[in-house]
Each structure stands twice: as structure tokens, then as C-alpha cells.
Amino acid sequence: MDKEKFKPIIDILAFLGSQKYYSYIDRLGNALDEISILEAINDAIRDFYSMCGSKQTECPQIDSGKLQDAVKELTDMIQDSEKSTRFQVLQFARELSLNSYAHIKNFVPSKKEEGTEQLTGA
């Protein structure tokens, strides 16, 4: 898996995990079909942008162009049966899920100064 290509998706999922919203990562890792994979990612993206639209949550900066490219690459992988089998797609979703869990620590608030918090960032 090219982690750099899918970094925006991993960052969104990891950030949501750091906020105790693990369901998106779990849904991705436990997906039984391609539609479930795309639904989990689309729901995560929608909720990320909803959460980050408020001034109350400090969110990582996600390049929307790179995010769009990552989602398109994943969609193409799912739709092109010559490019990858169903098993490979499901295995890839599990890899995305595991990588997202592994990167949660990058978004856990750390104490910068007394009384303030800052994301450690990715």
C-alpha cells in the first residue's frame, strides 16, 4: 500500500479515532463488501468536515485535492476487477484501518504550555 497516496484518508480516520470516534475505522476494517468500504470512508469524511467546521475542535489540515485523488484511486481500485480482486480490495481496506489505528497517536492532544493543548500533528 502506498501510504503517502492514501495519507488524507488515514489522517481523517486517525483524527476521528483520536476523538474517540472509532466506528469509522472499525467499519472499514470489518467491511464485507466494496460498498461498505466506500460508505465508511464517505461517512468519515462528512463527519470530519462537520466536526472541523466548528471553532471548538482543532483539526489537522487536509489537502482536499489529495483527499479527492485518494478516494478516486480507491473507487477505481474497487470498480476495476482487472486491477484488483475483491479479496485484494477487502485486504486493502483492512490495511487502511490498521494504519489509521496506528496513526491515532499523531493526533492526540499534548500539553504545550500549562492550560493549553495542541495536536501533535501528522
Protein backbone atom coordinates (compact mmCIF):
# COMPACT_ATOMS: atom_id res chain seq x y z
CA MET A 1 0.00 0.00 0.00
CA ASP A 2 1.26 3.45 -0.91
CA LYS A 3 0.65 5.14 2.45
CA GLU A 4 1.52 8.58 1.09
CA LYS A 5 -1.19 8.37 -1.59
CA PHE A 6 -3.83 7.44 0.98
CA LYS A 7 -2.50 9.70 3.77
CA PRO A 8 -5.51 12.07 3.69
CA ILE A 9 -7.91 9.16 4.33
CA ILE A 10 -5.65 7.72 7.04
CA ASP A 11 -5.29 11.14 8.67
CA ILE A 12 -9.05 11.71 8.76
CA LEU A 13 -9.72 8.28 10.22
CA ALA A 14 -6.87 8.61 12.73
CA PHE A 15 -8.06 12.06 13.81
CA LEU A 16 -11.60 10.78 14.33
CA GLY A 17 -10.14 7.87 16.32
CA SER A 18 -8.23 10.34 18.48
CA GLN A 19 -11.58 11.98 19.24
CA LYS A 20 -12.94 8.56 20.33
CA TYR A 21 -14.92 8.03 17.09
CA TYR A 22 -13.58 4.57 16.29
CA SER A 23 -16.63 3.32 14.42
CA TYR A 24 -15.39 4.54 11.03
CA ILE A 25 -12.11 2.66 11.37
CA ASP A 26 -13.93 -0.42 12.65
CA ARG A 27 -16.46 -0.32 9.80
CA LEU A 28 -13.65 -0.07 7.27
CA GLY A 29 -11.68 -2.90 8.82
CA ASN A 30 -14.73 -5.16 9.11
CA ALA A 31 -16.27 -4.36 5.72
CA LEU A 32 -17.57 -7.39 3.87
CA ASP A 33 -18.07 -5.70 0.53
CA GLU A 34 -16.90 -2.77 -1.54
CA ILE A 35 -19.98 -0.63 -0.87
CA SER A 36 -19.39 -0.85 2.88
CA ILE A 37 -15.82 0.35 2.36
CA LEU A 38 -16.87 3.43 0.43
CA GLU A 39 -19.73 4.19 2.85
CA ALA A 40 -17.40 4.06 5.86
CA ILE A 41 -14.92 6.42 4.21
CA ASN A 42 -17.57 8.82 2.91
CA ASP A 43 -19.26 8.94 6.33
CA ALA A 44 -15.90 9.62 7.99
CA ILE A 45 -15.09 12.43 5.56
CA ARG A 46 -18.52 14.01 6.02
CA ASP A 47 -18.28 13.88 9.81
CA PHE A 48 -14.70 15.14 9.78
CA TYR A 49 -15.74 18.24 7.85
CA SER A 50 -18.81 18.71 10.07
CA MET A 51 -16.68 18.49 13.21
CA CYS A 52 -13.92 20.68 11.85
CA GLY A 53 -16.30 23.39 10.71
CA SER A 54 -16.74 24.47 14.31
CA LYS A 55 -14.17 26.58 16.09
CA GLN A 56 -14.30 24.27 19.13
CA THR A 57 -12.19 21.50 17.62
CA GLU A 58 -8.60 21.87 16.48
CA CYS A 59 -8.34 19.76 13.35
CA PRO A 60 -5.48 18.74 11.09
CA GLN A 61 -5.22 20.40 7.70
CA ILE A 62 -6.26 18.02 4.94
CA ASP A 63 -5.50 18.86 1.32
CA SER A 64 -8.91 18.43 -0.32
CA GLY A 65 -7.33 17.78 -3.74
CA LYS A 66 -5.20 14.95 -2.37
CA LEU A 67 -8.21 13.59 -0.47
CA GLN A 68 -10.28 13.61 -3.64
CA ASP A 69 -7.45 11.82 -5.51
CA ALA A 70 -7.20 9.16 -2.77
CA VAL A 71 -10.94 8.49 -2.82
CA LYS A 72 -10.89 8.30 -6.62
CA GLU A 73 -7.95 5.87 -6.53
CA LEU A 74 -9.81 3.67 -4.05
CA THR A 75 -13.01 3.84 -6.12
CA ASP A 76 -11.09 2.93 -9.27
CA MET A 77 -9.48 0.00 -7.44
CA ILE A 78 -12.92 -1.24 -6.41
CA GLN A 79 -14.50 -0.81 -9.83
CA ASP A 80 -11.66 -2.26 -11.92
CA SER A 81 -11.73 -6.01 -11.41
CA GLU A 82 -8.66 -6.36 -13.63
CA LYS A 83 -6.70 -4.08 -11.31
CA SER A 84 -7.59 -5.94 -8.11
CA THR A 85 -9.74 -8.80 -6.93
CA ARG A 86 -12.46 -8.45 -4.31
CA PHE A 87 -10.18 -10.16 -1.80
CA GLN A 88 -7.42 -7.62 -2.51
CA VAL A 89 -9.84 -4.72 -2.04
CA LEU A 90 -11.06 -6.08 1.30
CA GLN A 91 -7.48 -6.73 2.38
CA PHE A 92 -6.56 -3.17 1.40
CA ALA A 93 -9.45 -1.80 3.48
CA ARG A 94 -8.12 -3.71 6.48
CA GLU A 95 -4.65 -2.24 5.88
CA LEU A 96 -6.15 1.27 5.77
CA SER A 97 -7.95 0.52 9.02
CA LEU A 98 -4.81 -0.77 10.76
CA ASN A 99 -2.74 2.18 9.52
CA SER A 100 -5.41 4.55 10.80
CA TYR A 101 -5.30 2.98 14.26
CA ALA A 102 -1.50 3.18 14.20
CA HIS A 103 -1.62 6.92 13.45
CA ILE A 104 -4.12 7.92 16.14
CA LYS A 105 -1.21 8.86 18.40
CA ASN A 106 -0.28 11.61 15.90
CA PHE A 107 -3.49 13.47 16.73
CA VAL A 108 -3.74 13.08 20.48
CA PRO A 109 -3.59 16.48 22.17
CA SER A 110 -0.36 17.11 24.03
CA LYS A 111 0.38 19.73 26.66
CA LYS A 112 2.27 22.60 25.03
CA GLU A 113 2.05 25.03 27.89
CA GLU A 114 0.20 24.97 31.17
CA GLY A 115 -3.53 25.03 30.42
CA THR A 116 -3.30 24.78 26.62
CA GLU A 117 -3.47 21.81 24.31
CA GLN A 118 -2.09 21.36 20.83
CA LEU A 119 -2.32 18.48 18.39
CA THR A 120 0.97 16.72 17.87
CA GLY A 121 0.10 16.60 14.14
CA ALA A 122 0.90 14.17 11.41
